[in-house]
Amino acid sequence: MATETPPGANTDRRLPSAEEFVQVQQSAEFGELRRSYRSFAFPLTIAFIAWYLLYVLLSNYAGGFMGTKLLGNVNVAFVLGLAQFVTTFLIAWWYSRHAAEKLDPKAEAIKSRMEGGA
């Protein structure tokens, strides 16, 4: 039975106290991290919900428009429905890039400082 430490596991880390969590939460650095997340996530979430609701409303109340044939049996509703999937994946990809470039480094710096006690 192997009892090796998994690769990348830090056995020297410590658990921060509740006071340290509160102190970090009130810090300017944590506020910047939160602002960076919210300034990306909230507008994009609102835009996607609006786009989704537009699709639903058009499907319910603009049947003639949605039934307009574009190519053969492909109509506007089908194209907009596929666009829902495309935008979902694009948003996920875009958020992944944003998190890796802007959020993760800041969060990792805060985490390592708290666990290391520095």
PDB file of N, CA and C in Angstrom:
ATOM      1  N   MET A   1       0.837  -1.166   0.000  1.00  0.00           N
ATOM      2  CA  MET A   1       0.000   0.000   0.000  1.00  0.00           C
ATOM      3  C   MET A   1       0.893   1.245   0.000  1.00  0.00           C
ATOM      4  N   ALA A   2       0.765   2.069  -1.050  1.00  0.00           N
ATOM      5  CA  ALA A   2       1.602   3.266  -1.166  1.00  0.00           C
ATOM      6  C   ALA A   2       0.955   4.415  -0.408  1.00  0.00           C
ATOM      7  N   THR A   3       1.768   5.149   0.324  1.00  0.00           N
ATOM      8  CA  THR A   3       1.266   6.322   1.056  1.00  0.00           C
ATOM      9  C   THR A   3       2.021   7.566   0.623  1.00  0.00           C
ATOM     10  N   GLU A   4       2.335   7.621  -0.654  1.00  0.00           N
ATOM     11  CA  GLU A   4       3.062   8.784  -1.187  1.00  0.00           C
ATOM     12  C   GLU A   4       2.159   9.996  -1.229  1.00  0.00           C
ATOM     13  N   THR A   5       2.790  11.154  -1.098  1.00  0.00           N
ATOM     14  CA  THR A   5       2.075  12.408  -1.231  1.00  0.00           C
ATOM     15  C   THR A   5       1.838  12.659  -2.716  1.00  0.00           C
ATOM     16  N   PRO A   6       0.629  13.043  -3.107  1.00  0.00           N
ATOM     17  CA  PRO A   6       0.363  13.312  -4.518  1.00  0.00           C
ATOM     18  C   PRO A   6       1.263  14.422  -5.043  1.00  0.00           C
ATOM     19  N   PRO A   7       1.607  14.365  -6.334  1.00  0.00           N
ATOM     20  CA  PRO A   7       2.449  15.427  -6.906  1.00  0.00           C
ATOM     21  C   PRO A   7       1.782  16.790  -6.750  1.00  0.00           C
ATOM     22  N   GLY A   8       2.562  17.771  -6.412  1.00  0.00           N
ATOM     23  CA  GLY A   8       2.055  19.142  -6.279  1.00  0.00           C
ATOM     24  C   GLY A   8       1.402  19.428  -4.943  1.00  0.00           C
ATOM     25  N   ALA A   9       1.262  18.409  -4.080  1.00  0.00           N
ATOM     26  CA  ALA A   9       0.637  18.651  -2.775  1.00  0.00           C
ATOM     27  C   ALA A   9       1.637  19.348  -1.865  1.00  0.00           C
ATOM     28  N   ASN A  10       1.191  20.375  -1.212  1.00  0.00           N
ATOM     29  CA  ASN A  10       2.051  21.137  -0.312  1.00  0.00           C
ATOM     30  C   ASN A  10       1.769  20.679   1.120  1.00  0.00           C
ATOM     31  N   THR A  11       2.713  19.972   1.708  1.00  0.00           N
ATOM     32  CA  THR A  11       2.519  19.459   3.062  1.00  0.00           C
ATOM     33  C   THR A  11       2.883  20.492   4.121  1.00  0.00           C
ATOM     34  N   ASP A  12       3.474  21.626   3.722  1.00  0.00           N
ATOM     35  CA  ASP A  12       3.892  22.657   4.667  1.00  0.00           C
ATOM     36  C   ASP A  12       2.825  23.732   4.886  1.00  0.00           C
ATOM     37  N   ARG A  13       1.679  23.583   4.272  1.00  0.00           N
ATOM     38  CA  ARG A  13       0.686  24.649   4.396  1.00  0.00           C
ATOM     39  C   ARG A  13      -0.002  24.594   5.750  1.00  0.00           C
ATOM     40  N   ARG A  14      -0.487  25.744   6.157  1.00  0.00           N
ATOM     41  CA  ARG A  14      -1.193  25.834   7.425  1.00  0.00           C
ATOM     42  C   ARG A  14      -2.593  26.366   7.168  1.00  0.00           C
ATOM     43  N   LEU A  15      -3.485  26.138   8.083  1.00  0.00           N
ATOM     44  CA  LEU A  15      -4.846  26.652   7.954  1.00  0.00           C
ATOM     45  C   LEU A  15      -4.933  28.029   8.598  1.00  0.00           C
ATOM     46  N   PRO A  16      -5.376  29.020   7.833  1.00  0.00           N
ATOM     47  CA  PRO A  16      -5.503  30.374   8.384  1.00  0.00           C
ATOM     48  C   PRO A  16      -6.625  30.430   9.422  1.00  0.00           C
ATOM     49  N   SER A  17      -6.525  31.366  10.298  1.00  0.00           N
ATOM     50  CA  SER A  17      -7.559  31.567  11.323  1.00  0.00           C
ATOM     51  C   SER A  17      -8.730  32.349  10.725  1.00  0.00           C
ATOM     52  N   ALA A  18      -9.828  32.370  11.458  1.00  0.00           N
ATOM     53  CA  ALA A  18     -11.009  33.118  11.020  1.00  0.00           C
ATOM     54  C   ALA A  18     -10.691  34.607  10.907  1.00  0.00           C
ATOM     55  N   GLU A  19      -9.875  35.102  11.822  1.00  0.00           N
ATOM     56  CA  GLU A  19      -9.503  36.523  11.787  1.00  0.00           C
ATOM     57  C   GLU A  19      -8.696  36.843  10.522  1.00  0.00           C
ATOM     58  N   GLU A  20      -7.831  35.914  10.142  1.00  0.00           N
ATOM     59  CA  GLU A  20      -7.034  36.129   8.925  1.00  0.00           C
ATOM     60  C   GLU A  20      -7.925  36.132   7.688  1.00  0.00           C
ATOM     61  N   PHE A  21      -8.937  35.260   7.665  1.00  0.00           N
ATOM     62  CA  PHE A  21      -9.876  35.264   6.541  1.00  0.00           C
ATOM     63  C   PHE A  21     -10.603  36.594   6.445  1.00  0.00           C
ATOM     64  N   VAL A  22     -11.055  37.099   7.559  1.00  0.00           N
ATOM     65  CA  VAL A  22     -11.765  38.382   7.579  1.00  0.00           C
ATOM     66  C   VAL A  22     -10.839  39.500   7.137  1.00  0.00           C
ATOM     67  N   GLN A  23      -9.607  39.482   7.603  1.00  0.00           N
ATOM     68  CA  GLN A  23      -8.636  40.515   7.245  1.00  0.00           C
ATOM     69  C   GLN A  23      -8.372  40.499   5.741  1.00  0.00           C
ATOM     70  N   VAL A  24      -8.197  39.320   5.169  1.00  0.00           N
ATOM     71  CA  VAL A  24      -7.956  39.221   3.727  1.00  0.00           C
ATOM     72  C   VAL A  24      -9.190  39.653   2.952  1.00  0.00           C
ATOM     73  N   GLN A  25     -10.366  39.254   3.427  1.00  0.00           N
ATOM     74  CA  GLN A  25     -11.603  39.624   2.741  1.00  0.00           C
ATOM     75  C   GLN A  25     -11.781  41.138   2.692  1.00  0.00           C
ATOM     76  N   GLN A  26     -11.285  41.839   3.677  1.00  0.00           N
ATOM     77  CA  GLN A  26     -11.419  43.294   3.731  1.00  0.00           C
ATOM     78  C   GLN A  26     -10.256  44.022   3.057  1.00  0.00           C
ATOM     79  N   SER A  27      -9.283  43.282   2.537  1.00  0.00           N
ATOM     80  CA  SER A  27      -8.105  43.905   1.934  1.00  0.00           C
ATOM     81  C   SER A  27      -8.411  44.465   0.546  1.00  0.00           C
ATOM     82  N   ALA A  28      -7.604  45.424   0.132  1.00  0.00           N
ATOM     83  CA  ALA A  28      -7.749  46.015  -1.200  1.00  0.00           C
ATOM     84  C   ALA A  28      -7.459  44.985  -2.290  1.00  0.00           C
ATOM     85  N   GLU A  29      -6.517  44.101  -2.029  1.00  0.00           N
ATOM     86  CA  GLU A  29      -6.154  43.076  -3.016  1.00  0.00           C
ATOM     87  C   GLU A  29      -7.338  42.139  -3.293  1.00  0.00           C
ATOM     88  N   PHE A  30      -8.024  41.713  -2.248  1.00  0.00           N
ATOM     89  CA  PHE A  30      -9.184  40.846  -2.412  1.00  0.00           C
ATOM     90  C   PHE A  30     -10.322  41.610  -3.089  1.00  0.00           C
ATOM     91  N   GLY A  31     -10.477  42.882  -2.737  1.00  0.00           N
ATOM     92  CA  GLY A  31     -11.490  43.719  -3.388  1.00  0.00           C
ATOM     93  C   GLY A  31     -11.241  43.838  -4.877  1.00  0.00           C
ATOM     94  N   GLU A  32      -9.979  43.965  -5.265  1.00  0.00           N
ATOM     95  CA  GLU A  32      -9.632  44.034  -6.689  1.00  0.00           C
ATOM     96  C   GLU A  32      -9.945  42.721  -7.392  1.00  0.00           C
ATOM     97  N   LEU A  33      -9.657  41.610  -6.737  1.00  0.00           N
ATOM     98  CA  LEU A  33      -9.980  40.296  -7.298  1.00  0.00           C
ATOM     99  C   LEU A  33     -11.489  40.164  -7.494  1.00  0.00           C
ATOM    100  N   ARG A  34     -12.242  40.548  -6.506  1.00  0.00           N
ATOM    101  CA  ARG A  34     -13.708  40.475  -6.592  1.00  0.00           C
ATOM    102  C   ARG A  34     -14.234  41.390  -7.699  1.00  0.00           C
ATOM    103  N   ARG A  35     -13.680  42.613  -7.800  1.00  0.00           N
ATOM    104  CA  ARG A  35     -14.100  43.547  -8.860  1.00  0.00           C
ATOM    105  C   ARG A  35     -13.788  42.990 -10.243  1.00  0.00           C
ATOM    106  N   SER A  36     -12.610  42.398 -10.371  1.00  0.00           N
ATOM    107  CA  SER A  36     -12.209  41.829 -11.660  1.00  0.00           C
ATOM    108  C   SER A  36     -13.158  40.709 -12.082  1.00  0.00           C
ATOM    109  N   TYR A  37     -13.553  39.881 -11.125  1.00  0.00           N
ATOM    110  CA  TYR A  37     -14.495  38.803 -11.423  1.00  0.00           C
ATOM    111  C   TYR A  37     -15.865  39.371 -11.783  1.00  0.00           C
ATOM    112  N   ARG A  38     -16.364  40.260 -10.950  1.00  0.00           N
ATOM    113  CA  ARG A  38     -17.711  40.795 -11.160  1.00  0.00           C
ATOM    114  C   ARG A  38     -17.820  41.625 -12.434  1.00  0.00           C
ATOM    115  N   SER A  39     -16.788  42.389 -12.756  1.00  0.00           N
ATOM    116  CA  SER A  39     -16.852  43.221 -13.962  1.00  0.00           C
ATOM    117  C   SER A  39     -16.862  42.377 -15.227  1.00  0.00           C
ATOM    118  N   PHE A  40     -16.415  41.138 -15.128  1.00  0.00           N
ATOM    119  CA  PHE A  40     -16.481  40.231 -16.271  1.00  0.00           C
ATOM    120  C   PHE A  40     -17.767  39.405 -16.238  1.00  0.00           C
ATOM    121  N   ALA A  41     -18.046  38.779 -15.120  1.00  0.00           N
ATOM    122  CA  ALA A  41     -19.131  37.808 -15.034  1.00  0.00           C
ATOM    123  C   ALA A  41     -20.522  38.443 -15.098  1.00  0.00           C
ATOM    124  N   PHE A  42     -20.755  39.523 -14.373  1.00  0.00           N
ATOM    125  CA  PHE A  42     -22.097  40.078 -14.323  1.00  0.00           C
ATOM    126  C   PHE A  42     -22.587  40.608 -15.672  1.00  0.00           C
ATOM    127  N   PRO A  43     -21.830  41.461 -16.367  1.00  0.00           N
ATOM    128  CA  PRO A  43     -22.324  41.938 -17.661  1.00  0.00           C
ATOM    129  C   PRO A  43     -22.527  40.804 -18.673  1.00  0.00           C
ATOM    130  N   LEU A  44     -21.617  39.845 -18.668  1.00  0.00           N
ATOM    131  CA  LEU A  44     -21.742  38.735 -19.607  1.00  0.00           C
ATOM    132  C   LEU A  44     -22.951  37.868 -19.276  1.00  0.00           C
ATOM    133  N   THR A  45     -23.220  37.662 -18.005  1.00  0.00           N
ATOM    134  CA  THR A  45     -24.391  36.891 -17.597  1.00  0.00           C
ATOM    135  C   THR A  45     -25.668  37.600 -18.008  1.00  0.00           C
ATOM    136  N   ILE A  46     -25.735  38.891 -17.782  1.00  0.00           N
ATOM    137  CA  ILE A  46     -26.924  39.669 -18.162  1.00  0.00           C
ATOM    138  C   ILE A  46     -27.112  39.637 -19.674  1.00  0.00           C
ATOM    139  N   ALA A  47     -26.029  39.803 -20.419  1.00  0.00           N
ATOM    140  CA  ALA A  47     -26.128  39.777 -21.881  1.00  0.00           C
ATOM    141  C   ALA A  47     -26.607  38.417 -22.379  1.00  0.00           C
ATOM    142  N   PHE A  48     -26.090  37.341 -21.794  1.00  0.00           N
ATOM    143  CA  PHE A  48     -26.504  36.021 -22.255  1.00  0.00           C
ATOM    144  C   PHE A  48     -27.959  35.739 -21.897  1.00  0.00           C
ATOM    145  N   ILE A  49     -28.389  36.142 -20.711  1.00  0.00           N
ATOM    146  CA  ILE A  49     -29.790  35.930 -20.336  1.00  0.00           C
ATOM    147  C   ILE A  49     -30.709  36.721 -21.269  1.00  0.00           C
ATOM    148  N   ALA A  50     -30.315  37.954 -21.591  1.00  0.00           N
ATOM    149  CA  ALA A  50     -31.115  38.764 -22.523  1.00  0.00           C
ATOM    150  C   ALA A  50     -31.176  38.092 -23.892  1.00  0.00           C
ATOM    151  N   TRP A  51     -30.065  37.573 -24.363  1.00  0.00           N
ATOM    152  CA  TRP A  51     -30.005  36.878 -25.651  1.00  0.00           C
ATOM    153  C   TRP A  51     -30.891  35.636 -25.619  1.00  0.00           C
ATOM    154  N   TYR A  52     -30.835  34.882 -24.535  1.00  0.00           N
ATOM    155  CA  TYR A  52     -31.664  33.684 -24.402  1.00  0.00           C
ATOM    156  C   TYR A  52     -33.144  34.057 -24.371  1.00  0.00           C
ATOM    157  N   LEU A  53     -33.505  35.080 -23.587  1.00  0.00           N
ATOM    158  CA  LEU A  53     -34.903  35.501 -23.513  1.00  0.00           C
ATOM    159  C   LEU A  53     -35.405  36.024 -24.854  1.00  0.00           C
ATOM    160  N   LEU A  54     -34.544  36.705 -25.599  1.00  0.00           N
ATOM    161  CA  LEU A  54     -34.919  37.152 -26.938  1.00  0.00           C
ATOM    162  C   LEU A  54     -35.276  35.951 -27.814  1.00  0.00           C
ATOM    163  N   TYR A  55     -34.468  34.917 -27.749  1.00  0.00           N
ATOM    164  CA  TYR A  55     -34.733  33.695 -28.521  1.00  0.00           C
ATOM    165  C   TYR A  55     -36.075  33.078 -28.114  1.00  0.00           C
ATOM    166  N   VAL A  56     -36.336  32.986 -26.821  1.00  0.00           N
ATOM    167  CA  VAL A  56     -37.587  32.407 -26.334  1.00  0.00           C
ATOM    168  C   VAL A  56     -38.773  33.262 -26.765  1.00  0.00           C
ATOM    169  N   LEU A  57     -38.645  34.570 -26.612  1.00  0.00           N
ATOM    170  CA  LEU A  57     -39.741  35.466 -26.998  1.00  0.00           C
ATOM    171  C   LEU A  57     -40.001  35.421 -28.501  1.00  0.00           C
ATOM    172  N   LEU A  58     -38.941  35.405 -29.287  1.00  0.00           N
ATOM    173  CA  LEU A  58     -39.129  35.292 -30.735  1.00  0.00           C
ATOM    174  C   LEU A  58     -39.791  33.965 -31.097  1.00  0.00           C
ATOM    175  N   SER A  59     -39.408  32.913 -30.413  1.00  0.00           N
ATOM    176  CA  SER A  59     -40.009  31.606 -30.682  1.00  0.00           C
ATOM    177  C   SER A  59     -41.496  31.597 -30.361  1.00  0.00           C
ATOM    178  N   ASN A  60     -41.890  32.308 -29.301  1.00  0.00           N
ATOM    179  CA  ASN A  60     -43.295  32.331 -28.892  1.00  0.00           C
ATOM    180  C   ASN A  60     -44.143  33.316 -29.680  1.00  0.00           C
ATOM    181  N   TYR A  61     -43.588  34.488 -29.985  1.00  0.00           N
ATOM    182  CA  TYR A  61     -44.414  35.558 -30.540  1.00  0.00           C
ATOM    183  C   TYR A  61     -44.068  35.976 -31.959  1.00  0.00           C
ATOM    184  N   ALA A  62     -43.011  35.444 -32.536  1.00  0.00           N
ATOM    185  CA  ALA A  62     -42.640  35.811 -33.910  1.00  0.00           C
ATOM    186  C   ALA A  62     -42.447  34.548 -34.747  1.00  0.00           C
ATOM    187  N   GLY A  63     -43.480  33.710 -34.733  1.00  0.00           N
ATOM    188  CA  GLY A  63     -43.416  32.436 -35.440  1.00  0.00           C
ATOM    189  C   GLY A  63     -43.138  32.599 -36.930  1.00  0.00           C
ATOM    190  N   GLY A  64     -43.722  33.616 -37.524  1.00  0.00           N
ATOM    191  CA  GLY A  64     -43.497  33.839 -38.956  1.00  0.00           C
ATOM    192  C   GLY A  64     -42.032  34.139 -39.251  1.00  0.00           C
ATOM    193  N   PHE A  65     -41.443  35.006 -38.437  1.00  0.00           N
ATOM    194  CA  PHE A  65     -40.028  35.346 -38.610  1.00  0.00           C
ATOM    195  C   PHE A  65     -39.142  34.130 -38.340  1.00  0.00           C
ATOM    196  N   MET A  66     -39.405  33.432 -37.261  1.00  0.00           N
ATOM    197  CA  MET A  66     -38.573  32.287 -36.902  1.00  0.00           C
ATOM    198  C   MET A  66     -38.709  31.152 -37.912  1.00  0.00           C
ATOM    199  N   GLY A  67     -39.845  31.091 -38.589  1.00  0.00           N
ATOM    200  CA  GLY A  67     -40.059  30.044 -39.578  1.00  0.00           C
ATOM    201  C   GLY A  67     -39.507  30.388 -40.957  1.00  0.00           C
ATOM    202  N   THR A  68     -38.932  31.574 -41.103  1.00  0.00           N
ATOM    203  CA  THR A  68     -38.382  31.981 -42.396  1.00  0.00           C
ATOM    204  C   THR A  68     -37.259  31.032 -42.806  1.00  0.00           C
ATOM    205  N   LYS A  69     -37.404  30.474 -43.990  1.00  0.00           N
ATOM    206  CA  LYS A  69     -36.402  29.526 -44.496  1.00  0.00           C
ATOM    207  C   LYS A  69     -35.175  30.290 -44.986  1.00  0.00           C
ATOM    208  N   LEU A  70     -34.003  29.778 -44.613  1.00  0.00           N
ATOM    209  CA  LEU A  70     -32.753  30.390 -45.032  1.00  0.00           C
ATOM    210  C   LEU A  70     -32.074  29.565 -46.129  1.00  0.00           C
ATOM    211  N   LEU A  71     -31.907  28.296 -45.879  1.00  0.00           N
ATOM    212  CA  LEU A  71     -31.301  27.370 -46.840  1.00  0.00           C
ATOM    213  C   LEU A  71     -32.044  26.043 -46.770  1.00  0.00           C
ATOM    214  N   GLY A  72     -32.758  25.695 -47.787  1.00  0.00           N
ATOM    215  CA  GLY A  72     -33.498  24.433 -47.769  1.00  0.00           C
ATOM    216  C   GLY A  72     -34.488  24.427 -46.620  1.00  0.00           C
ATOM    217  N   ASN A  73     -34.369  23.434 -45.734  1.00  0.00           N
ATOM    218  CA  ASN A  73     -35.257  23.340 -44.568  1.00  0.00           C
ATOM    219  C   ASN A  73     -34.684  24.016 -43.322  1.00  0.00           C
ATOM    220  N   VAL A  74     -33.588  24.711 -43.454  1.00  0.00           N
ATOM    221  CA  VAL A  74     -32.973  25.414 -42.320  1.00  0.00           C
ATOM    222  C   VAL A  74     -33.638  26.787 -42.187  1.00  0.00           C
ATOM    223  N   ASN A  75     -34.242  27.009 -41.025  1.00  0.00           N
ATOM    224  CA  ASN A  75     -34.928  28.282 -40.824  1.00  0.00           C
ATOM    225  C   ASN A  75     -34.216  29.128 -39.758  1.00  0.00           C
ATOM    226  N   VAL A  76     -34.734  30.323 -39.543  1.00  0.00           N
ATOM    227  CA  VAL A  76     -34.133  31.262 -38.595  1.00  0.00           C
ATOM    228  C   VAL A  76     -34.098  30.666 -37.182  1.00  0.00           C
ATOM    229  N   ALA A  77     -35.165  29.990 -36.772  1.00  0.00           N
ATOM    230  CA  ALA A  77     -35.221  29.403 -35.432  1.00  0.00           C
ATOM    231  C   ALA A  77     -34.092  28.397 -35.230  1.00  0.00           C
ATOM    232  N   PHE A  78     -33.837  27.578 -36.227  1.00  0.00           N
ATOM    233  CA  PHE A  78     -32.779  26.575 -36.115  1.00  0.00           C
ATOM    234  C   PHE A  78     -31.406  27.244 -35.991  1.00  0.00           C
ATOM    235  N   VAL A  79     -31.159  28.257 -36.796  1.00  0.00           N
ATOM    236  CA  VAL A  79     -29.876  28.961 -36.759  1.00  0.00           C
ATOM    237  C   VAL A  79     -29.693  29.668 -35.410  1.00  0.00           C
ATOM    238  N   LEU A  80     -30.732  30.347 -34.926  1.00  0.00           N
ATOM    239  CA  LEU A  80     -30.626  31.021 -33.637  1.00  0.00           C
ATOM    240  C   LEU A  80     -30.491  30.014 -32.490  1.00  0.00           C
ATOM    241  N   GLY A  81     -31.143  28.870 -32.610  1.00  0.00           N
ATOM    242  CA  GLY A  81     -30.998  27.813 -31.604  1.00  0.00           C
ATOM    243  C   GLY A  81     -29.569  27.301 -31.546  1.00  0.00           C
ATOM    244  N   LEU A  82     -28.966  27.063 -32.697  1.00  0.00           N
ATOM    245  CA  LEU A  82     -27.567  26.650 -32.727  1.00  0.00           C
ATOM    246  C   LEU A  82     -26.654  27.746 -32.189  1.00  0.00           C
ATOM    247  N   ALA A  83     -27.011  28.987 -32.468  1.00  0.00           N
ATOM    248  CA  ALA A  83     -26.212  30.113 -31.970  1.00  0.00           C
ATOM    249  C   ALA A  83     -26.228  30.162 -30.441  1.00  0.00           C
ATOM    250  N   GLN A  84     -27.300  29.673 -29.820  1.00  0.00           N
ATOM    251  CA  GLN A  84     -27.339  29.591 -28.358  1.00  0.00           C
ATOM    252  C   GLN A  84     -26.224  28.684 -27.846  1.00  0.00           C
ATOM    253  N   PHE A  85     -26.053  27.534 -28.493  1.00  0.00           N
ATOM    254  CA  PHE A  85     -24.982  26.616 -28.090  1.00  0.00           C
ATOM    255  C   PHE A  85     -23.606  27.231 -28.344  1.00  0.00           C
ATOM    256  N   VAL A  86     -23.449  27.851 -29.492  1.00  0.00           N
ATOM    257  CA  VAL A  86     -22.163  28.460 -29.841  1.00  0.00           C
ATOM    258  C   VAL A  86     -21.791  29.542 -28.833  1.00  0.00           C
ATOM    259  N   THR A  87     -22.748  30.410 -28.498  1.00  0.00           N
ATOM    260  CA  THR A  87     -22.431  31.471 -27.544  1.00  0.00           C
ATOM    261  C   THR A  87     -22.137  30.903 -26.150  1.00  0.00           C
ATOM    262  N   THR A  88     -22.803  29.828 -25.775  1.00  0.00           N
ATOM    263  CA  THR A  88     -22.506  29.199 -24.482  1.00  0.00           C
ATOM    264  C   THR A  88     -21.059  28.732 -24.430  1.00  0.00           C
ATOM    265  N   PHE A  89     -20.615  28.049 -25.473  1.00  0.00           N
ATOM    266  CA  PHE A  89     -19.238  27.571 -25.498  1.00  0.00           C
ATOM    267  C   PHE A  89     -18.237  28.714 -25.608  1.00  0.00           C
ATOM    268  N   LEU A  90     -18.567  29.749 -26.380  1.00  0.00           N
ATOM    269  CA  LEU A  90     -17.671  30.902 -26.480  1.00  0.00           C
ATOM    270  C   LEU A  90     -17.515  31.622 -25.147  1.00  0.00           C
ATOM    271  N   ILE A  91     -18.611  31.760 -24.419  1.00  0.00           N
ATOM    272  CA  ILE A  91     -18.544  32.412 -23.112  1.00  0.00           C
ATOM    273  C   ILE A  91     -17.702  31.581 -22.155  1.00  0.00           C
ATOM    274  N   ALA A  92     -17.883  30.266 -22.170  1.00  0.00           N
ATOM    275  CA  ALA A  92     -17.088  29.399 -21.298  1.00  0.00           C
ATOM    276  C   ALA A  92     -15.604  29.502 -21.638  1.00  0.00           C
ATOM    277  N   TRP A  93     -15.280  29.512 -22.912  1.00  0.00           N
ATOM    278  CA  TRP A  93     -13.880  29.639 -23.352  1.00  0.00           C
ATOM    279  C   TRP A  93     -13.317  30.996 -22.940  1.00  0.00           C
ATOM    280  N   TRP A  94     -14.093  32.047 -23.177  1.00  0.00           N
ATOM    281  CA  TRP A  94     -13.654  33.399 -22.851  1.00  0.00           C
ATOM    282  C   TRP A  94     -13.438  33.544 -21.341  1.00  0.00           C
ATOM    283  N   TYR A  95     -14.365  33.014 -20.535  1.00  0.00           N
ATOM    284  CA  TYR A  95     -14.199  33.084 -19.087  1.00  0.00           C
ATOM    285  C   TYR A  95     -12.969  32.301 -18.639  1.00  0.00           C
ATOM    286  N   SER A  96     -12.743  31.160 -19.238  1.00  0.00           N
ATOM    287  CA  SER A  96     -11.572  30.352 -18.895  1.00  0.00           C
ATOM    288  C   SER A  96     -10.284  31.143 -19.137  1.00  0.00           C
ATOM    289  N   ARG A  97     -10.201  31.821 -20.254  1.00  0.00           N
ATOM    290  CA  ARG A  97      -9.028  32.658 -20.548  1.00  0.00           C
ATOM    291  C   ARG A  97      -8.916  33.809 -19.557  1.00  0.00           C
ATOM    292  N   HIS A  98     -10.042  34.465 -19.293  1.00  0.00           N
ATOM    293  CA  HIS A  98     -10.047  35.590 -18.355  1.00  0.00           C
ATOM    294  C   HIS A  98      -9.588  35.134 -16.968  1.00  0.00           C
ATOM    295  N   ALA A  99     -10.115  34.011 -16.515  1.00  0.00           N
ATOM    296  CA  ALA A  99      -9.743  33.502 -15.191  1.00  0.00           C
ATOM    297  C   ALA A  99      -8.263  33.143 -15.139  1.00  0.00           C
ATOM    298  N   ALA A 100      -7.774  32.482 -16.166  1.00  0.00           N
ATOM    299  CA  ALA A 100      -6.368  32.063 -16.177  1.00  0.00           C
ATOM    300  C   ALA A 100      -5.427  33.267 -16.211  1.00  0.00           C
ATOM    301  N   GLU A 101      -5.809  34.320 -16.912  1.00  0.00           N
ATOM    302  CA  GLU A 101      -4.934  35.483 -17.052  1.00  0.00           C
ATOM    303  C   GLU A 101      -5.055  36.483 -15.903  1.00  0.00           C
ATOM    304  N   LYS A 102      -6.272  36.693 -15.417  1.00  0.00           N
ATOM    305  CA  LYS A 102      -6.490  37.784 -14.467  1.00  0.00           C
ATOM    306  C   LYS A 102      -6.858  37.321 -13.055  1.00  0.00           C
ATOM    307  N   LEU A 103      -7.707  36.316 -12.947  1.00  0.00           N
ATOM    308  CA  LEU A 103      -8.210  35.932 -11.627  1.00  0.00           C
ATOM    309  C   LEU A 103      -7.301  34.948 -10.905  1.00  0.00           C
ATOM    310  N   ASP A 104      -6.897  33.898 -11.596  1.00  0.00           N
ATOM    311  CA  ASP A 104      -6.123  32.837 -10.954  1.00  0.00           C
ATOM    312  C   ASP A 104      -4.802  33.326 -10.344  1.00  0.00           C
ATOM    313  N   PRO A 105      -4.030  34.159 -11.036  1.00  0.00           N
ATOM    314  CA  PRO A 105      -2.777  34.626 -10.411  1.00  0.00           C
ATOM    315  C   PRO A 105      -3.020  35.417  -9.113  1.00  0.00           C
ATOM    316  N   LYS A 106      -4.041  36.272  -9.116  1.00  0.00           N
ATOM    317  CA  LYS A 106      -4.348  37.056  -7.912  1.00  0.00           C
ATOM    318  C   LYS A 106      -4.835  36.144  -6.794  1.00  0.00           C
ATOM    319  N   ALA A 107      -5.707  35.203  -7.121  1.00  0.00           N
ATOM    320  CA  ALA A 107      -6.231  34.288  -6.107  1.00  0.00           C
ATOM    321  C   ALA A 107      -5.127  33.396  -5.554  1.00  0.00           C
ATOM    322  N   GLU A 108      -4.243  32.939  -6.417  1.00  0.00           N
ATOM    323  CA  GLU A 108      -3.144  32.072  -5.972  1.00  0.00           C
ATOM    324  C   GLU A 108      -2.191  32.839  -5.053  1.00  0.00           C
ATOM    325  N   ALA A 109      -1.951  34.105  -5.352  1.00  0.00           N
ATOM    326  CA  ALA A 109      -1.073  34.911  -4.499  1.00  0.00           C
ATOM    327  C   ALA A 109      -1.684  35.067  -3.108  1.00  0.00           C
ATOM    328  N   ILE A 110      -2.974  35.332  -3.046  1.00  0.00           N
ATOM    329  CA  ILE A 110      -3.649  35.468  -1.751  1.00  0.00           C
ATOM    330  C   ILE A 110      -3.619  34.139  -1.011  1.00  0.00           C
ATOM    331  N   LYS A 111      -3.923  33.059  -1.701  1.00  0.00           N
ATOM    332  CA  LYS A 111      -3.962  31.733  -1.085  1.00  0.00           C
ATOM    333  C   LYS A 111      -2.601  31.317  -0.552  1.00  0.00           C
ATOM    334  N   SER A 112      -1.559  31.479  -1.347  1.00  0.00           N
ATOM    335  CA  SER A 112      -0.233  31.053  -0.892  1.00  0.00           C
ATOM    336  C   SER A 112       0.247  31.890   0.283  1.00  0.00           C
ATOM    337  N   ARG A 113      -0.101  33.186   0.292  1.00  0.00           N
ATOM    338  CA  ARG A 113       0.287  34.039   1.413  1.00  0.00           C
ATOM    339  C   ARG A 113      -0.442  33.610   2.692  1.00  0.00           C
ATOM    340  N   MET A 114      -1.713  33.251   2.550  1.00  0.00           N
ATOM    341  CA  MET A 114      -2.479  32.827   3.736  1.00  0.00           C
ATOM    342  C   MET A 114      -2.006  31.470   4.246  1.00  0.00           C
ATOM    343  N   GLU A 115      -1.735  30.554   3.345  1.00  0.00           N
ATOM    344  CA  GLU A 115      -1.309  29.221   3.773  1.00  0.00           C
ATOM    345  C   GLU A 115       0.134  29.193   4.240  1.00  0.00           C
ATOM    346  N   GLY A 116       0.943  30.103   3.704  1.00  0.00           N
ATOM    347  CA  GLY A 116       2.340  30.148   4.091  1.00  0.00           C
ATOM    348  C   GLY A 116       2.588  31.000   5.319  1.00  0.00           C
ATOM    349  N   GLY A 117       1.622  31.822   5.650  1.00  0.00           N
ATOM    350  CA  GLY A 117       1.755  32.666   6.836  1.00  0.00           C
ATOM    351  C   GLY A 117       2.578  33.905   6.622  1.00  0.00           C
ATOM    352  N   ALA A 118       2.920  34.191   5.358  1.00  0.00           N
ATOM    353  CA  ALA A 118       3.758  35.354   5.084  1.00  0.00           C
ATOM    354  C   ALA A 118       2.945  36.614   4.959  1.00  0.00           C
TER     355      ALA A 118
END
